[in-house]
């Protein structure tokens, strides 16, 4: 059984959304797809909480 090749899909977004994607792509030095991946990737979570030196 072969895996089908993904096709290209186009979606329409509001002009403001496109502006945010364009600025993010520019800041990350990537294209719109890279900006989407960047925005949709959850941040890394530390395994241990950071020590709070203010507590006594």
PDB file of N, CA and C in Angstrom:
ATOM      1  N   UNK A   1       0.847  -1.178   0.000  1.00  0.00           N
ATOM      2  CA  UNK A   1       0.000   0.000   0.000  1.00  0.00           C
ATOM      3  C   UNK A   1       0.894   1.243   0.000  1.00  0.00           C
ATOM      4  N   UNK A   2       0.609   2.164  -0.864  1.00  0.00           N
ATOM      5  CA  UNK A   2       1.407   3.377  -0.962  1.00  0.00           C
ATOM      6  C   UNK A   2       0.706   4.520  -0.249  1.00  0.00           C
ATOM      7  N   UNK A   3       1.497   5.428   0.265  1.00  0.00           N
ATOM      8  CA  UNK A   3       0.966   6.616   0.924  1.00  0.00           C
ATOM      9  C   UNK A   3       0.692   7.669  -0.131  1.00  0.00           C
ATOM     10  N   UNK A   4      -0.519   8.225  -0.148  1.00  0.00           N
ATOM     11  CA  UNK A   4      -0.802   9.251  -1.144  1.00  0.00           C
ATOM     12  C   UNK A   4       0.017  10.522  -0.876  1.00  0.00           C
ATOM     13  N   UNK A   5       0.419  11.172  -1.944  1.00  0.00           N
ATOM     14  CA  UNK A   5       1.165  12.416  -1.790  1.00  0.00           C
ATOM     15  C   UNK A   5       0.199  13.535  -1.409  1.00  0.00           C
ATOM     16  N   UNK A   6       0.629  14.389  -0.480  1.00  0.00           N
ATOM     17  CA  UNK A   6      -0.264  15.473  -0.067  1.00  0.00           C
ATOM     18  C   UNK A   6      -0.446  16.485  -1.196  1.00  0.00           C
ATOM     19  N   UNK A   7      -1.637  16.982  -1.324  1.00  0.00           N
ATOM     20  CA  UNK A   7      -1.920  17.986  -2.337  1.00  0.00           C
ATOM     21  C   UNK A   7      -1.818  19.380  -1.753  1.00  0.00           C
ATOM     22  N   UNK A   8      -1.826  20.341  -2.608  1.00  0.00           N
ATOM     23  CA  UNK A   8      -1.789  21.728  -2.167  1.00  0.00           C
ATOM     24  C   UNK A   8      -3.207  22.199  -1.902  1.00  0.00           C
ATOM     25  N   UNK A   9      -3.393  22.813  -0.747  1.00  0.00           N
ATOM     26  CA  UNK A   9      -4.698  23.372  -0.403  1.00  0.00           C
ATOM     27  C   UNK A   9      -4.530  24.861  -0.157  1.00  0.00           C
ATOM     28  N   UNK A  10      -5.465  25.611  -0.619  1.00  0.00           N
ATOM     29  CA  UNK A  10      -5.437  27.052  -0.410  1.00  0.00           C
ATOM     30  C   UNK A  10      -6.571  27.422   0.524  1.00  0.00           C
ATOM     31  N   UNK A  11      -6.260  28.284   1.464  1.00  0.00           N
ATOM     32  CA  UNK A  11      -7.299  28.802   2.340  1.00  0.00           C
ATOM     33  C   UNK A  11      -7.261  30.317   2.275  1.00  0.00           C
ATOM     34  N   UNK A  12      -8.393  30.905   2.499  1.00  0.00           N
ATOM     35  CA  UNK A  12      -8.469  32.366   2.513  1.00  0.00           C
ATOM     36  C   UNK A  12      -8.506  32.834   3.960  1.00  0.00           C
ATOM     37  N   UNK A  13      -7.698  33.841   4.256  1.00  0.00           N
ATOM     38  CA  UNK A  13      -7.676  34.412   5.593  1.00  0.00           C
ATOM     39  C   UNK A  13      -7.914  35.910   5.490  1.00  0.00           C
ATOM     40  N   UNK A  14      -8.347  36.460   6.591  1.00  0.00           N
ATOM     41  CA  UNK A  14      -8.573  37.897   6.672  1.00  0.00           C
ATOM     42  C   UNK A  14      -7.255  38.636   6.437  1.00  0.00           C
ATOM     43  N   UNK A  15      -7.334  39.851   5.972  1.00  0.00           N
ATOM     44  CA  UNK A  15      -6.144  40.643   5.682  1.00  0.00           C
ATOM     45  C   UNK A  15      -5.278  40.850   6.924  1.00  0.00           C
ATOM     46  N   UNK A  16      -5.908  41.005   8.090  1.00  0.00           N
ATOM     47  CA  UNK A  16      -5.156  41.188   9.338  1.00  0.00           C
ATOM     48  C   UNK A  16      -4.382  39.923   9.704  1.00  0.00           C
ATOM     49  N   UNK A  17      -4.983  38.765   9.474  1.00  0.00           N
ATOM     50  CA  UNK A  17      -4.309  37.491   9.736  1.00  0.00           C
ATOM     51  C   UNK A  17      -3.107  37.346   8.816  1.00  0.00           C
ATOM     52  N   UNK A  18      -3.286  37.663   7.559  1.00  0.00           N
ATOM     53  CA  UNK A  18      -2.179  37.581   6.606  1.00  0.00           C
ATOM     54  C   UNK A  18      -1.057  38.527   7.007  1.00  0.00           C
ATOM     55  N   UNK A  19      -1.409  39.717   7.525  1.00  0.00           N
ATOM     56  CA  UNK A  19      -0.403  40.673   7.968  1.00  0.00           C
ATOM     57  C   UNK A  19       0.419  40.096   9.124  1.00  0.00           C
ATOM     58  N   UNK A  20      -0.246  39.470  10.091  1.00  0.00           N
ATOM     59  CA  UNK A  20       0.464  38.855  11.216  1.00  0.00           C
ATOM     60  C   UNK A  20       1.374  37.729  10.719  1.00  0.00           C
ATOM     61  N   UNK A  21       0.862  36.887   9.825  1.00  0.00           N
ATOM     62  CA  UNK A  21       1.677  35.801   9.279  1.00  0.00           C
ATOM     63  C   UNK A  21       2.888  36.345   8.511  1.00  0.00           C
ATOM     64  N   UNK A  22       2.689  37.391   7.758  1.00  0.00           N
ATOM     65  CA  UNK A  22       3.786  37.983   6.991  1.00  0.00           C
ATOM     66  C   UNK A  22       4.855  38.563   7.913  1.00  0.00           C
ATOM     67  N   UNK A  23       4.426  39.276   8.953  1.00  0.00           N
ATOM     68  CA  UNK A  23       5.389  39.855   9.893  1.00  0.00           C
ATOM     69  C   UNK A  23       6.126  38.762  10.665  1.00  0.00           C
ATOM     70  N   UNK A  24       5.406  37.723  11.048  1.00  0.00           N
ATOM     71  CA  UNK A  24       6.041  36.610  11.757  1.00  0.00           C
ATOM     72  C   UNK A  24       7.038  35.907  10.851  1.00  0.00           C
ATOM     73  N   UNK A  25       6.670  35.679   9.604  1.00  0.00           N
ATOM     74  CA  UNK A  25       7.574  35.039   8.652  1.00  0.00           C
ATOM     75  C   UNK A  25       8.829  35.881   8.459  1.00  0.00           C
ATOM     76  N   UNK A  26       8.665  37.172   8.369  1.00  0.00           N
ATOM     77  CA  UNK A  26       9.806  38.063   8.205  1.00  0.00           C
ATOM     78  C   UNK A  26      10.711  38.024   9.434  1.00  0.00           C
ATOM     79  N   UNK A  27      10.113  38.059  10.615  1.00  0.00           N
ATOM     80  CA  UNK A  27      10.895  38.038  11.855  1.00  0.00           C
ATOM     81  C   UNK A  27      11.621  36.706  12.034  1.00  0.00           C
ATOM     82  N   UNK A  28      11.015  35.618  11.605  1.00  0.00           N
ATOM     83  CA  UNK A  28      11.609  34.291  11.748  1.00  0.00           C
ATOM     84  C   UNK A  28      12.460  33.913  10.536  1.00  0.00           C
ATOM     85  N   UNK A  29      12.523  34.792   9.547  1.00  0.00           N
ATOM     86  CA  UNK A  29      13.268  34.567   8.303  1.00  0.00           C
ATOM     87  C   UNK A  29      12.847  33.257   7.638  1.00  0.00           C
ATOM     88  N   UNK A  30      11.534  33.140   7.427  1.00  0.00           N
ATOM     89  CA  UNK A  30      10.967  31.950   6.815  1.00  0.00           C
ATOM     90  C   UNK A  30       9.817  32.382   5.903  1.00  0.00           C
ATOM     91  N   UNK A  31       9.073  31.407   5.398  1.00  0.00           N
ATOM     92  CA  UNK A  31       7.911  31.720   4.572  1.00  0.00           C
ATOM     93  C   UNK A  31       6.639  31.625   5.428  1.00  0.00           C
ATOM     94  N   UNK A  32       5.487  31.798   4.803  1.00  0.00           N
ATOM     95  CA  UNK A  32       4.212  31.756   5.523  1.00  0.00           C
ATOM     96  C   UNK A  32       4.003  30.395   6.190  1.00  0.00           C
ATOM     97  N   UNK A  33       4.371  29.306   5.518  1.00  0.00           N
ATOM     98  CA  UNK A  33       4.218  27.977   6.113  1.00  0.00           C
ATOM     99  C   UNK A  33       5.081  27.828   7.368  1.00  0.00           C
ATOM    100  N   UNK A  34       6.291  28.344   7.312  1.00  0.00           N
ATOM    101  CA  UNK A  34       7.166  28.306   8.485  1.00  0.00           C
ATOM    102  C   UNK A  34       6.600  29.146   9.617  1.00  0.00           C
ATOM    103  N   UNK A  35       5.985  30.269   9.288  1.00  0.00           N
ATOM    104  CA  UNK A  35       5.364  31.116  10.313  1.00  0.00           C
ATOM    105  C   UNK A  35       4.191  30.386  10.965  1.00  0.00           C
ATOM    106  N   UNK A  36       3.410  29.674  10.172  1.00  0.00           N
ATOM    107  CA  UNK A  36       2.303  28.895  10.729  1.00  0.00           C
ATOM    108  C   UNK A  36       2.818  27.808  11.668  1.00  0.00           C
ATOM    109  N   UNK A  37       3.853  27.102  11.244  1.00  0.00           N
ATOM    110  CA  UNK A  37       4.431  26.061  12.108  1.00  0.00           C
ATOM    111  C   UNK A  37       4.947  26.673  13.411  1.00  0.00           C
ATOM    112  N   UNK A  38       5.612  27.828  13.308  1.00  0.00           N
ATOM    113  CA  UNK A  38       6.146  28.508  14.483  1.00  0.00           C
ATOM    114  C   UNK A  38       5.021  28.897  15.440  1.00  0.00           C
ATOM    115  N   UNK A  39       3.945  29.448  14.908  1.00  0.00           N
ATOM    116  CA  UNK A  39       2.841  29.900  15.754  1.00  0.00           C
ATOM    117  C   UNK A  39       2.037  28.747  16.343  1.00  0.00           C
ATOM    118  N   UNK A  40       2.015  27.607  15.676  1.00  0.00           N
ATOM    119  CA  UNK A  40       1.223  26.483  16.152  1.00  0.00           C
ATOM    120  C   UNK A  40       2.006  25.514  17.039  1.00  0.00           C
ATOM    121  N   UNK A  41       3.315  25.683  17.126  1.00  0.00           N
ATOM    122  CA  UNK A  41       4.134  24.797  17.953  1.00  0.00           C
ATOM    123  C   UNK A  41       4.058  25.254  19.407  1.00  0.00           C
ATOM    124  N   UNK A  42       3.634  24.349  20.302  1.00  0.00           N
ATOM    125  CA  UNK A  42       3.562  24.738  21.713  1.00  0.00           C
ATOM    126  C   UNK A  42       4.957  24.951  22.297  1.00  0.00           C
ATOM    127  N   UNK A  43       5.078  25.865  23.253  1.00  0.00           N
ATOM    128  CA  UNK A  43       6.392  26.102  23.856  1.00  0.00           C
ATOM    129  C   UNK A  43       6.825  24.906  24.703  1.00  0.00           C
ATOM    130  N   UNK A  44       8.123  24.746  24.849  1.00  0.00           N
ATOM    131  CA  UNK A  44       8.660  23.658  25.667  1.00  0.00           C
ATOM    132  C   UNK A  44       8.355  23.933  27.134  1.00  0.00           C
ATOM    133  N   UNK A  45       8.016  22.876  27.846  1.00  0.00           N
ATOM    134  CA  UNK A  45       7.710  22.993  29.272  1.00  0.00           C
ATOM    135  C   UNK A  45       8.831  22.330  30.055  1.00  0.00           C
ATOM    136  N   UNK A  46       9.320  23.014  31.085  1.00  0.00           N
ATOM    137  CA  UNK A  46      10.381  22.460  31.910  1.00  0.00           C
ATOM    138  C   UNK A  46       9.858  21.283  32.714  1.00  0.00           C
ATOM    139  N   UNK A  47      10.696  20.276  32.884  1.00  0.00           N
ATOM    140  CA  UNK A  47      10.301  19.088  33.632  1.00  0.00           C
ATOM    141  C   UNK A  47      10.197  19.382  35.123  1.00  0.00           C
ATOM    142  N   UNK A  48      11.019  20.301  35.622  1.00  0.00           N
ATOM    143  CA  UNK A  48      11.002  20.669  37.029  1.00  0.00           C
ATOM    144  C   UNK A  48      10.693  22.153  37.140  1.00  0.00           C
ATOM    145  N   UNK A  49       9.909  22.533  38.141  1.00  0.00           N
ATOM    146  CA  UNK A  49       9.654  23.962  38.317  1.00  0.00           C
ATOM    147  C   UNK A  49      10.931  24.694  38.728  1.00  0.00           C
ATOM    148  N   UNK A  50      11.052  25.901  38.301  1.00  0.00           N
ATOM    149  CA  UNK A  50      12.218  26.703  38.659  1.00  0.00           C
ATOM    150  C   UNK A  50      12.184  27.005  40.145  1.00  0.00           C
ATOM    151  N   UNK A  51      13.355  27.068  40.765  1.00  0.00           N
ATOM    152  CA  UNK A  51      13.424  27.368  42.192  1.00  0.00           C
ATOM    153  C   UNK A  51      13.093  28.828  42.423  1.00  0.00           C
ATOM    154  N   UNK A  52      12.321  29.078  43.460  1.00  0.00           N
ATOM    155  CA  UNK A  52      11.961  30.444  43.820  1.00  0.00           C
ATOM    156  C   UNK A  52      12.814  30.844  45.014  1.00  0.00           C
ATOM    157  N   UNK A  53      13.777  31.719  44.786  1.00  0.00           N
ATOM    158  CA  UNK A  53      14.698  32.134  45.841  1.00  0.00           C
ATOM    159  C   UNK A  53      14.074  33.132  46.807  1.00  0.00           C
ATOM    160  N   UNK A  54      12.889  33.642  46.498  1.00  0.00           N
ATOM    161  CA  UNK A  54      12.245  34.618  47.379  1.00  0.00           C
ATOM    162  C   UNK A  54      11.541  33.954  48.560  1.00  0.00           C
ATOM    163  N   UNK A  55      11.241  32.669  48.456  1.00  0.00           N
ATOM    164  CA  UNK A  55      10.559  31.963  49.548  1.00  0.00           C
ATOM    165  C   UNK A  55      11.537  31.650  50.663  1.00  0.00           C
ATOM    166  N   UNK A  56      11.059  31.752  51.892  1.00  0.00           N
ATOM    167  CA  UNK A  56      11.906  31.434  53.051  1.00  0.00           C
ATOM    168  C   UNK A  56      11.336  30.301  53.834  1.00  0.00           C
TER     169      UNK A  56
END
